[in-house]
C-alpha atoms as a PDB file:
ATOM      1  CA  THR A   1       0.000   0.000   0.000  1.00  0.00           C
ATOM      2  CA  GLN A   2       0.959   3.632  -0.371  1.00  0.00           C
ATOM      3  CA  SER A   3       1.440   4.001   3.387  1.00  0.00           C
ATOM      4  CA  THR A   4       4.249   1.421   3.384  1.00  0.00           C
ATOM      5  CA  TRP A   5       5.989   3.175   0.457  1.00  0.00           C
ATOM      6  CA  ASP A   6       5.967   6.607   2.055  1.00  0.00           C
ATOM      7  CA  PRO A   7       5.108   6.306   5.786  1.00  0.00           C
ATOM      8  CA  GLU A   8       6.266   9.862   6.594  1.00  0.00           C
ATOM      9  CA  ASN A   9       3.834  11.480   4.145  1.00  0.00           C
ATOM     10  CA  PHE A  10       0.802   9.212   3.943  1.00  0.00           C
ATOM     11  CA  PHE A  11      -1.759   8.923   6.731  1.00  0.00           C
ATOM     12  CA  LEU A  12      -5.125   7.171   6.939  1.00  0.00           C
ATOM     13  CA  LEU A  13      -8.110   8.858   8.568  1.00  0.00           C
ATOM     14  CA  ARG A  14     -11.227   7.138   9.751  1.00  0.00           C
ATOM     15  CA  GLY A  15     -14.354   7.346   7.607  1.00  0.00           C
ATOM     16  CA  ASN A  16     -17.981   6.698   8.437  1.00  0.00           C
ATOM     17  CA  HIS A  17     -17.752   3.110   7.140  1.00  0.00           C
ATOM     18  CA  GLU A  18     -14.906   2.349   9.548  1.00  0.00           C
ATOM     19  CA  SER A  19     -17.522   1.509  12.137  1.00  0.00           C
ATOM     20  CA  ALA A  20     -18.876  -1.920  13.074  1.00  0.00           C
ATOM     21  CA  SER A  21     -22.519  -0.863  12.808  1.00  0.00           C
ATOM     22  CA  ILE A  22     -22.103   0.607   9.306  1.00  0.00           C
ATOM     23  CA  ASN A  23     -19.762  -1.888   7.670  1.00  0.00           C
ATOM     24  CA  ARG A  24     -21.931  -4.707   8.987  1.00  0.00           C
ATOM     25  CA  ILE A  25     -24.865  -3.285   7.011  1.00  0.00           C
ATOM     26  CA  TYR A  26     -22.890  -2.551   3.841  1.00  0.00           C
ATOM     27  CA  GLY A  27     -21.265  -5.940   3.335  1.00  0.00           C
ATOM     28  CA  PHE A  28     -17.793  -5.804   4.886  1.00  0.00           C
ATOM     29  CA  TYR A  29     -18.766  -8.128   7.747  1.00  0.00           C
ATOM     30  CA  ASP A  30     -20.365 -10.596   5.324  1.00  0.00           C
ATOM     31  CA  GLU A  31     -17.324 -10.548   3.036  1.00  0.00           C
ATOM     32  CA  CYS A  32     -14.916 -11.167   5.927  1.00  0.00           C
ATOM     33  CA  LYS A  33     -17.135 -13.983   7.213  1.00  0.00           C
ATOM     34  CA  ARG A  34     -17.484 -15.577   3.764  1.00  0.00           C
ATOM     35  CA  ARG A  35     -13.844 -15.282   2.637  1.00  0.00           C
ATOM     36  CA  TYR A  36     -11.959 -15.371   5.941  1.00  0.00           C
ATOM     37  CA  THR A  37     -13.235 -15.360   9.539  1.00  0.00           C
ATOM     38  CA  ILE A  38     -15.335 -13.255  11.883  1.00  0.00           C
ATOM     39  CA  LYS A  39     -12.174 -12.893  13.967  1.00  0.00           C
ATOM     40  CA  LEU A  40     -10.581 -10.978  11.074  1.00  0.00           C
ATOM     41  CA  TRP A  41     -13.594  -8.613  10.962  1.00  0.00           C
ATOM     42  CA  LYS A  42     -13.227  -8.035  14.711  1.00  0.00           C
ATOM     43  CA  THR A  43      -9.531  -7.247  14.208  1.00  0.00           C
ATOM     44  CA  PHE A  44     -10.440  -4.697  11.539  1.00  0.00           C
ATOM     45  CA  THR A  45     -13.053  -3.202  13.870  1.00  0.00           C
ATOM     46  CA  ASP A  46     -10.485  -2.881  16.654  1.00  0.00           C
ATOM     47  CA  THR A  47      -8.148  -1.149  14.189  1.00  0.00           C
ATOM     48  CA  PHE A  48     -10.883   1.212  12.932  1.00  0.00           C
ATOM     49  CA  ASN A  49     -11.639   2.196  16.531  1.00  0.00           C
ATOM     50  CA  CYS A  50      -8.030   3.379  16.906  1.00  0.00           C
ATOM     51  CA  MET A  51      -7.834   5.438  13.698  1.00  0.00           C
ATOM     52  CA  PRO A  52      -7.609   9.240  13.894  1.00  0.00           C
ATOM     53  CA  VAL A  53     -10.746  11.140  12.810  1.00  0.00           C
ATOM     54  CA  ALA A  54      -8.996  14.306  11.581  1.00  0.00           C
ATOM     55  CA  ALA A  55      -5.606  15.768  10.742  1.00  0.00           C
ATOM     56  CA  VAL A  56      -4.051  19.154  10.042  1.00  0.00           C
ATOM     57  CA  VAL A  57      -1.468  19.457   7.261  1.00  0.00           C
ATOM     58  CA  GLU A  58       1.272  21.992   8.072  1.00  0.00           C
ATOM     59  CA  GLY A  59      -1.103  23.931  10.323  1.00  0.00           C
ATOM     60  CA  LYS A  60      -3.196  25.084   7.337  1.00  0.00           C
ATOM     61  CA  ILE A  61      -5.281  22.261   5.805  1.00  0.00           C
ATOM     62  CA  PHE A  62      -7.876  20.602   8.034  1.00  0.00           C
ATOM     63  CA  CYS A  63      -8.757  17.083   6.845  1.00  0.00           C
ATOM     64  CA  MET A  64     -11.535  14.690   7.781  1.00  0.00           C
ATOM     65  CA  HIS A  65     -13.882  12.255   6.084  1.00  0.00           C
ATOM     66  CA  GLY A  66     -17.195  14.029   6.681  1.00  0.00           C
ATOM     67  CA  GLY A  67     -17.312  17.665   7.667  1.00  0.00           C
ATOM     68  CA  LEU A  68     -17.415  20.348  10.299  1.00  0.00           C
ATOM     69  CA  SER A  69     -19.252  20.158  13.611  1.00  0.00           C
ATOM     70  CA  PRO A  70     -21.180  22.743  15.626  1.00  0.00           C
ATOM     71  CA  ASP A  71     -19.506  21.105  18.655  1.00  0.00           C
ATOM     72  CA  LEU A  72     -15.958  21.820  17.435  1.00  0.00           C
ATOM     73  CA  HIS A  73     -14.577  24.945  19.119  1.00  0.00           C
ATOM     74  CA  SER A  74     -10.930  23.992  19.577  1.00  0.00           C
ATOM     75  CA  MET A  75      -8.510  21.590  17.890  1.00  0.00           C
ATOM     76  CA  GLU A  76      -7.653  20.460  21.394  1.00  0.00           C
ATOM     77  CA  GLN A  77     -11.038  18.697  21.483  1.00  0.00           C
ATOM     78  CA  ILE A  78      -9.858  16.423  18.673  1.00  0.00           C
ATOM     79  CA  ARG A  79      -6.517  15.783  20.350  1.00  0.00           C
ATOM     80  CA  GLN A  80      -8.361  14.746  23.520  1.00  0.00           C
ATOM     81  CA  ILE A  81     -10.534  12.108  21.832  1.00  0.00           C
ATOM     82  CA  LEU A  82      -9.720   8.899  23.638  1.00  0.00           C
ATOM     83  CA  ARG A  83      -9.083   5.932  21.377  1.00  0.00           C
ATOM     84  CA  PRO A  84     -10.121   3.251  20.829  1.00  0.00           C
ATOM     85  CA  THR A  85     -13.636   4.572  20.349  1.00  0.00           C
ATOM     86  CA  ASP A  86     -16.729   3.635  18.427  1.00  0.00           C
ATOM     87  CA  VAL A  87     -18.643   6.247  16.422  1.00  0.00           C
ATOM     88  CA  PRO A  88     -21.495   7.724  18.476  1.00  0.00           C
ATOM     89  CA  ASP A  89     -24.862   8.655  16.923  1.00  0.00           C
ATOM     90  CA  SER A  90     -24.232  12.380  17.428  1.00  0.00           C
ATOM     91  CA  GLY A  91     -21.579  14.826  18.532  1.00  0.00           C
ATOM     92  CA  LEU A  92     -18.093  15.772  17.404  1.00  0.00           C
ATOM     93  CA  ILE A  93     -16.823  12.389  16.181  1.00  0.00           C
ATOM     94  CA  CYS A  94     -20.083  11.674  14.373  1.00  0.00           C
ATOM     95  CA  ASP A  95     -20.008  15.048  12.598  1.00  0.00           C
ATOM     96  CA  LEU A  96     -16.366  14.744  11.536  1.00  0.00           C
ATOM     97  CA  LEU A  97     -17.326  11.478   9.814  1.00  0.00           C
ATOM     98  CA  TRP A  98     -20.847  12.302   8.546  1.00  0.00           C
ATOM     99  CA  ALA A  99     -21.478  16.061   8.032  1.00  0.00           C
ATOM    100  CA  ASP A 100     -21.869  17.507   4.511  1.00  0.00           C
ATOM    101  CA  PRO A 101     -21.558  20.979   2.955  1.00  0.00           C
ATOM    102  CA  GLU A 102     -24.744  22.305   1.339  1.00  0.00           C
ATOM    103  CA  GLU A 103     -24.908  24.945  -1.389  1.00  0.00           C
ATOM    104  CA  GLY A 104     -27.129  27.913  -0.572  1.00  0.00           C
ATOM    105  CA  LEU A 105     -27.391  27.115   3.122  1.00  0.00           C
ATOM    106  CA  GLN A 106     -26.568  29.648   5.829  1.00  0.00           C
ATOM    107  CA  GLY A 107     -25.449  28.099   9.096  1.00  0.00           C
ATOM    108  CA  TRP A 108     -26.369  24.544  10.009  1.00  0.00           C
ATOM    109  CA  GLY A 109     -29.103  22.370   8.525  1.00  0.00           C
ATOM    110  CA  GLU A 110     -30.656  18.947   8.810  1.00  0.00           C
ATOM    111  CA  ASN A 111     -28.780  16.234   6.914  1.00  0.00           C
ATOM    112  CA  GLU A 112     -30.872  14.093   4.563  1.00  0.00           C
ATOM    113  CA  ARG A 113     -28.708  11.117   5.545  1.00  0.00           C
ATOM    114  CA  GLY A 114     -30.565  11.148   8.877  1.00  0.00           C
ATOM    115  CA  VAL A 115     -27.365  11.658  10.857  1.00  0.00           C
ATOM    116  CA  SER A 116     -25.235  14.721  11.672  1.00  0.00           C
ATOM    117  CA  PHE A 117     -25.703  18.090   9.922  1.00  0.00           C
ATOM    118  CA  THR A 118     -25.198  20.034   6.740  1.00  0.00           C
ATOM    119  CA  PHE A 119     -23.350  23.351   6.827  1.00  0.00           C
ATOM    120  CA  GLY A 120     -23.113  26.434   4.650  1.00  0.00           C
ATOM    121  CA  ALA A 121     -20.208  28.384   3.198  1.00  0.00           C
ATOM    122  CA  ASP A 122     -20.486  30.877   6.060  1.00  0.00           C
ATOM    123  CA  VAL A 123     -19.715  28.095   8.559  1.00  0.00           C
ATOM    124  CA  VAL A 124     -16.596  27.143   6.585  1.00  0.00           C
ATOM    125  CA  ALA A 125     -15.357  30.757   6.393  1.00  0.00           C
ATOM    126  CA  ARG A 126     -15.920  31.338  10.134  1.00  0.00           C
ATOM    127  CA  PHE A 127     -14.201  28.078  11.036  1.00  0.00           C
ATOM    128  CA  LEU A 128     -11.119  28.784   8.902  1.00  0.00           C
ATOM    129  CA  ARG A 129     -10.818  32.330  10.252  1.00  0.00           C
ATOM    130  CA  ALA A 130     -11.209  31.206  13.884  1.00  0.00           C
ATOM    131  CA  HIS A 131      -8.512  28.524  13.542  1.00  0.00           C
ATOM    132  CA  ASN A 132      -6.127  30.342  11.175  1.00  0.00           C
ATOM    133  CA  LEU A 133      -6.550  27.659   8.495  1.00  0.00           C
ATOM    134  CA  ASP A 134      -6.667  27.933   4.696  1.00  0.00           C
ATOM    135  CA  LEU A 135      -8.633  24.901   3.535  1.00  0.00           C
ATOM    136  CA  VAL A 136     -10.954  22.117   4.654  1.00  0.00           C
ATOM    137  CA  CYS A 137     -10.375  18.843   2.795  1.00  0.00           C
ATOM    138  CA  ARG A 138     -12.966  16.091   3.067  1.00  0.00           C
ATOM    139  CA  ALA A 139     -14.454  13.124   1.190  1.00  0.00           C
ATOM    140  CA  HIS A 140     -17.793  11.386   1.894  1.00  0.00           C
ATOM    141  CA  GLN A 141     -19.739  12.468  -1.217  1.00  0.00           C
ATOM    142  CA  VAL A 142     -19.586  11.276  -4.806  1.00  0.00           C
ATOM    143  CA  VAL A 143     -18.574  14.219  -7.013  1.00  0.00           C
ATOM    144  CA  GLU A 144     -18.631  13.982 -10.801  1.00  0.00           C
ATOM    145  CA  ASP A 145     -15.074  15.131 -11.520  1.00  0.00           C
ATOM    146  CA  GLY A 146     -13.418  13.399  -8.537  1.00  0.00           C
ATOM    147  CA  TYR A 147     -13.034  16.668  -6.645  1.00  0.00           C
ATOM    148  CA  GLN A 148     -15.235  19.699  -6.119  1.00  0.00           C
ATOM    149  CA  PHE A 149     -14.679  23.028  -4.406  1.00  0.00           C
ATOM    150  CA  PHE A 150     -17.181  24.729  -2.110  1.00  0.00           C
ATOM    151  CA  ALA A 151     -17.306  28.042  -0.249  1.00  0.00           C
ATOM    152  CA  GLN A 152     -15.123  29.986  -2.706  1.00  0.00           C
ATOM    153  CA  ARG A 153     -12.478  27.249  -2.760  1.00  0.00           C
ATOM    154  CA  GLN A 154     -12.203  27.161   1.037  1.00  0.00           C
ATOM    155  CA  LEU A 155     -13.388  23.536   1.133  1.00  0.00           C
ATOM    156  CA  VAL A 156     -12.689  20.692  -1.276  1.00  0.00           C
ATOM    157  CA  THR A 157     -14.408  17.331  -1.500  1.00  0.00           C
ATOM    158  CA  VAL A 158     -12.066  14.656  -2.861  1.00  0.00           C
ATOM    159  CA  PHE A 159     -13.659  11.341  -3.828  1.00  0.00           C
ATOM    160  CA  THR A 160     -11.184   8.656  -4.875  1.00  0.00           C
ATOM    161  CA  ALA A 161     -13.472   5.923  -6.227  1.00  0.00           C
ATOM    162  CA  PRO A 162     -14.299   6.214  -9.949  1.00  0.00           C
ATOM    163  CA  ASN A 163     -17.529   4.501 -11.090  1.00  0.00           C
ATOM    164  CA  TYR A 164     -18.644   4.396  -7.447  1.00  0.00           C
ATOM    165  CA  CYS A 165     -20.383   1.086  -6.677  1.00  0.00           C
ATOM    166  CA  GLY A 166     -20.756   0.505 -10.426  1.00  0.00           C
ATOM    167  CA  GLU A 167     -23.746   2.867 -10.294  1.00  0.00           C
ATOM    168  CA  PHE A 168     -22.135   6.231 -11.117  1.00  0.00           C
ATOM    169  CA  ASP A 169     -20.063   7.569 -14.012  1.00  0.00           C
ATOM    170  CA  ASN A 170     -17.972   9.737 -11.694  1.00  0.00           C
ATOM    171  CA  ALA A 171     -14.235  10.201 -11.960  1.00  0.00           C
ATOM    172  CA  GLY A 172     -12.105   9.735  -8.876  1.00  0.00           C
ATOM    173  CA  ALA A 173      -9.304  12.009  -7.709  1.00  0.00           C
ATOM    174  CA  VAL A 174      -6.265  12.104  -5.462  1.00  0.00           C
ATOM    175  CA  MET A 175      -5.112  15.423  -4.037  1.00  0.00           C
ATOM    176  CA  SER A 176      -1.396  16.043  -3.544  1.00  0.00           C
ATOM    177  CA  VAL A 177       0.014  18.859  -1.438  1.00  0.00           C
ATOM    178  CA  ASP A 178       3.554  20.072  -2.145  1.00  0.00           C
ATOM    179  CA  GLU A 179       5.981  21.736   0.279  1.00  0.00           C
ATOM    180  CA  SER A 180       4.535  25.194  -0.452  1.00  0.00           C
ATOM    181  CA  LEU A 181       1.023  23.803   0.290  1.00  0.00           C
ATOM    182  CA  MET A 182       0.038  24.029  -3.376  1.00  0.00           C
ATOM    183  CA  CYS A 183      -2.689  21.468  -4.038  1.00  0.00           C
ATOM    184  CA  SER A 184      -2.924  19.489  -7.274  1.00  0.00           C
ATOM    185  CA  PHE A 185      -5.244  16.711  -8.363  1.00  0.00           C
ATOM    186  CA  GLN A 186      -4.657  13.463 -10.186  1.00  0.00           C
ATOM    187  CA  ILE A 187      -7.862  12.394 -11.919  1.00  0.00           C
ATOM    188  CA  LEU A 188      -8.823   8.719 -12.007  1.00  0.00           C
ATOM    189  CA  GLN A 189     -11.010   8.426 -15.091  1.00  0.00           C
ATOM    190  CA  PRO A 190     -14.141   6.297 -14.968  1.00  0.00           C
ATOM    191  CA  THR A 191     -14.179   3.183 -17.085  1.00  0.00           C
ATOM    192  CA  ALA A 192     -16.746   2.575 -19.784  1.00  0.00           C
ATOM    193  CA  PRO A 193     -19.897   1.003 -18.355  1.00  0.00           C
ATOM    194  CA  ALA A 194     -19.907  -2.778 -18.583  1.00  0.00           C
ATOM    195  CA  ARG A 195     -22.042  -4.094 -21.415  1.00  0.00           C
ATOM    196  CA  LYS A 196     -24.856  -6.356 -20.316  1.00  0.00           C
ATOM    197  CA  VAL A 197     -24.877  -9.672 -22.125  1.00  0.00           C
ATOM    198  CA  GLY A 198     -28.213 -10.769 -23.526  1.00  0.00           C
ATOM    199  CA  CYS A 199     -29.946  -7.411 -23.305  1.00  0.00           C
END
């Protein structure tokens, strides 16, 4: 994996599917049970519970899987999260893994996923100003071109899986950050849809 090639510059953050309750629903448990053992799934779960939920790159780029939280007032709150931990149904950890930006929204809104919140560009701008940051980088949503800016380029969604679940024609992307904190994107083009035989 990439992390073994470059362990000083490659870090994994926890996503919303790195949770026993979610990956059990979406097939990871079943795949581990079918191909390996339930013990392996439990080992993965123990590992997921130890993963960091956020990171800051060079004091300027705040990264997480989901989004911002109305409960996040200080970066110290993230540092003080005790691990291992499961993902609660609400609160800071939940929001960092589940929240989504929403065009046209001011402040905080209800998330159609049924968990966490949505937030507007004003929330992003206030957060960056309060914490002396330049950019929020997150994933969690399929975007057509693999990456998509929000809030006047103060937030970027980077989605690495092209042809997500075989149901979308989206590209994927990988964001690289150089020593001057210049961001660039490598696009992972979607493949042509598979032709159905006999149709």
